[in-house]
C-alpha atoms as a PDB file:
ATOM      1  CA  UNK A   1       0.269   0.085  -0.115  1.00  0.00           C
ATOM      2  CA  UNK A   2       1.511   3.559  -0.949  1.00  0.00           C
ATOM      3  CA  UNK A   3       0.839   6.244   1.486  1.00  0.00           C
ATOM      4  CA  UNK A   4       1.156   9.637   0.153  1.00  0.00           C
ATOM      5  CA  UNK A   5       2.223  12.677   2.629  1.00  0.00           C
ATOM      6  CA  UNK A   6      -0.104  15.744   2.508  1.00  0.00           C
ATOM      7  CA  UNK A   7      -1.284  18.460   4.917  1.00  0.00           C
ATOM      8  CA  UNK A   8      -4.469  18.507   6.924  1.00  0.00           C
ATOM      9  CA  UNK A   9      -5.551  22.122   7.313  1.00  0.00           C
ATOM     10  CA  UNK A  10      -8.250  22.461  10.076  1.00  0.00           C
ATOM     11  CA  UNK A  11     -10.052  25.868  10.549  1.00  0.00           C
ATOM     12  CA  UNK A  12     -12.272  26.520  13.403  1.00  0.00           C
ATOM     13  CA  UNK A  13     -14.553  29.431  12.785  1.00  0.00           C
ATOM     14  CA  UNK A  14     -17.899  31.133  13.302  1.00  0.00           C
ATOM     15  CA  UNK A  15     -20.596  29.276  11.373  1.00  0.00           C
ATOM     16  CA  UNK A  16     -21.738  32.332   9.597  1.00  0.00           C
ATOM     17  CA  UNK A  17     -18.378  32.480   7.846  1.00  0.00           C
ATOM     18  CA  UNK A  18     -19.016  28.691   6.452  1.00  0.00           C
ATOM     19  CA  UNK A  19     -19.790  29.573   2.671  1.00  0.00           C
ATOM     20  CA  UNK A  20     -17.240  32.303   2.513  1.00  0.00           C
ATOM     21  CA  UNK A  21     -14.505  29.723   3.756  1.00  0.00           C
ATOM     22  CA  UNK A  22     -15.658  26.824   1.595  1.00  0.00           C
ATOM     23  CA  UNK A  23     -15.630  29.284  -1.428  1.00  0.00           C
ATOM     24  CA  UNK A  24     -12.042  30.591  -0.431  1.00  0.00           C
ATOM     25  CA  UNK A  25     -10.681  27.120  -0.142  1.00  0.00           C
ATOM     26  CA  UNK A  26     -12.016  25.853  -3.705  1.00  0.00           C
ATOM     27  CA  UNK A  27     -10.591  29.101  -5.021  1.00  0.00           C
ATOM     28  CA  UNK A  28      -7.112  28.439  -3.511  1.00  0.00           C
ATOM     29  CA  UNK A  29      -6.760  24.710  -4.511  1.00  0.00           C
ATOM     30  CA  UNK A  30      -8.590  22.449  -2.303  1.00  0.00           C
ATOM     31  CA  UNK A  31     -10.539  19.527  -4.001  1.00  0.00           C
ATOM     32  CA  UNK A  32     -12.813  18.778  -1.218  1.00  0.00           C
ATOM     33  CA  UNK A  33     -13.459  19.584   2.612  1.00  0.00           C
ATOM     34  CA  UNK A  34     -15.556  18.333   5.697  1.00  0.00           C
ATOM     35  CA  UNK A  35     -17.655  20.519   7.972  1.00  0.00           C
ATOM     36  CA  UNK A  36     -18.393  19.394  11.222  1.00  0.00           C
ATOM     37  CA  UNK A  37     -20.448  21.516  14.101  1.00  0.00           C
ATOM     38  CA  UNK A  38     -17.652  22.815  16.883  1.00  0.00           C
ATOM     39  CA  UNK A  39     -18.042  23.362  20.592  1.00  0.00           C
ATOM     40  CA  UNK A  40     -15.203  24.301  22.963  1.00  0.00           C
ATOM     41  CA  UNK A  41     -13.417  27.017  24.884  1.00  0.00           C
ATOM     42  CA  UNK A  42     -10.369  29.087  24.016  1.00  0.00           C
ATOM     43  CA  UNK A  43      -8.775  32.408  24.845  1.00  0.00           C
ATOM     44  CA  UNK A  44     -11.923  34.109  24.665  1.00  0.00           C
ATOM     45  CA  UNK A  45     -13.555  31.765  26.915  1.00  0.00           C
ATOM     46  CA  UNK A  46     -16.691  29.516  26.193  1.00  0.00           C
ATOM     47  CA  UNK A  47     -19.475  30.450  24.149  1.00  0.00           C
ATOM     48  CA  UNK A  48     -22.625  30.417  26.265  1.00  0.00           C
ATOM     49  CA  UNK A  49     -25.205  32.728  24.118  1.00  0.00           C
ATOM     50  CA  UNK A  50     -27.151  31.449  21.334  1.00  0.00           C
ATOM     51  CA  UNK A  51     -27.050  34.925  19.726  1.00  0.00           C
ATOM     52  CA  UNK A  52     -23.406  34.587  19.218  1.00  0.00           C
ATOM     53  CA  UNK A  53     -23.998  31.511  16.885  1.00  0.00           C
ATOM     54  CA  UNK A  54     -22.191  28.333  16.522  1.00  0.00           C
ATOM     55  CA  UNK A  55     -18.809  27.353  15.121  1.00  0.00           C
ATOM     56  CA  UNK A  56     -17.701  24.867  12.588  1.00  0.00           C
ATOM     57  CA  UNK A  57     -14.580  22.981  12.188  1.00  0.00           C
ATOM     58  CA  UNK A  58     -13.805  22.901   8.273  1.00  0.00           C
ATOM     59  CA  UNK A  59     -11.197  20.442   7.272  1.00  0.00           C
ATOM     60  CA  UNK A  60      -9.424  19.833   4.171  1.00  0.00           C
ATOM     61  CA  UNK A  61      -6.424  17.635   2.799  1.00  0.00           C
ATOM     62  CA  UNK A  62      -4.015  19.443   0.415  1.00  0.00           C
ATOM     63  CA  UNK A  63      -0.686  19.592  -0.946  1.00  0.00           C
ATOM     64  CA  UNK A  64       1.799  21.590   1.098  1.00  0.00           C
ATOM     65  CA  UNK A  65       1.677  24.706  -1.148  1.00  0.00           C
ATOM     66  CA  UNK A  66      -2.061  24.817  -1.315  1.00  0.00           C
ATOM     67  CA  UNK A  67      -2.008  24.838   2.884  1.00  0.00           C
ATOM     68  CA  UNK A  68       0.271  27.762   2.661  1.00  0.00           C
ATOM     69  CA  UNK A  69      -1.815  29.654   0.170  1.00  0.00           C
ATOM     70  CA  UNK A  70      -4.853  29.054   2.680  1.00  0.00           C
ATOM     71  CA  UNK A  71      -2.922  30.054   6.056  1.00  0.00           C
ATOM     72  CA  UNK A  72      -1.657  33.211   4.031  1.00  0.00           C
ATOM     73  CA  UNK A  73      -5.235  33.830   3.001  1.00  0.00           C
ATOM     74  CA  UNK A  74      -6.681  33.348   6.289  1.00  0.00           C
ATOM     75  CA  UNK A  75      -4.106  35.633   7.868  1.00  0.00           C
ATOM     76  CA  UNK A  76      -4.742  38.433   5.805  1.00  0.00           C
ATOM     77  CA  UNK A  77      -8.386  38.117   5.180  1.00  0.00           C
ATOM     78  CA  UNK A  78      -9.716  36.793   8.664  1.00  0.00           C
ATOM     79  CA  UNK A  79      -7.688  37.026  11.685  1.00  0.00           C
ATOM     80  CA  UNK A  80      -7.727  40.777  12.182  1.00  0.00           C
ATOM     81  CA  UNK A  81     -11.574  40.450  11.847  1.00  0.00           C
ATOM     82  CA  UNK A  82     -12.993  36.926  13.405  1.00  0.00           C
ATOM     83  CA  UNK A  83     -12.575  34.786  15.874  1.00  0.00           C
ATOM     84  CA  UNK A  84     -10.967  32.086  13.886  1.00  0.00           C
ATOM     85  CA  UNK A  85      -7.971  29.584  14.342  1.00  0.00           C
ATOM     86  CA  UNK A  86      -6.497  27.359  12.006  1.00  0.00           C
ATOM     87  CA  UNK A  87      -3.510  24.864  12.051  1.00  0.00           C
ATOM     88  CA  UNK A  88      -1.836  22.164   9.719  1.00  0.00           C
ATOM     89  CA  UNK A  89      -0.951  18.846  10.396  1.00  0.00           C
ATOM     90  CA  UNK A  90       0.888  16.346   8.342  1.00  0.00           C
ATOM     91  CA  UNK A  91      -1.016  13.086   7.122  1.00  0.00           C
ATOM     92  CA  UNK A  92      -0.379  10.310   5.075  1.00  0.00           C
ATOM     93  CA  UNK A  93      -3.343   9.320   2.928  1.00  0.00           C
ATOM     94  CA  UNK A  94      -4.288   6.409   0.560  1.00  0.00           C
ATOM     95  CA  UNK A  95      -5.409   7.544  -2.769  1.00  0.00           C
ATOM     96  CA  UNK A  96      -3.288  10.881  -2.782  1.00  0.00           C
ATOM     97  CA  UNK A  97      -4.370  11.902  -6.248  1.00  0.00           C
ATOM     98  CA  UNK A  98      -7.693  12.361  -5.043  1.00  0.00           C
ATOM     99  CA  UNK A  99      -6.715  15.182  -2.851  1.00  0.00           C
ATOM    100  CA  UNK A 100      -4.167  17.552  -5.275  1.00  0.00           C
END
């Protein structure tokens, strides 16, 4: 079995940003993504009010080049204005051509 090394980019953001973030990922080169509801507590504390909305966890497996483009875009377009976090992990996948 051949495994291909790629990057898993995970973004946790306000749910209201989902459509915009998905459009950005596609434009920046991601071939697919997974979105799930997210809960937790961070440096700003625990979200307890319904009016604050929910959070999403958006994940995509991409090449290193695409991962770098995504992070650079997030840093410029989102980090100054929204409660959003992002991180990258090394992953090894089967059927690597599916992601690049």
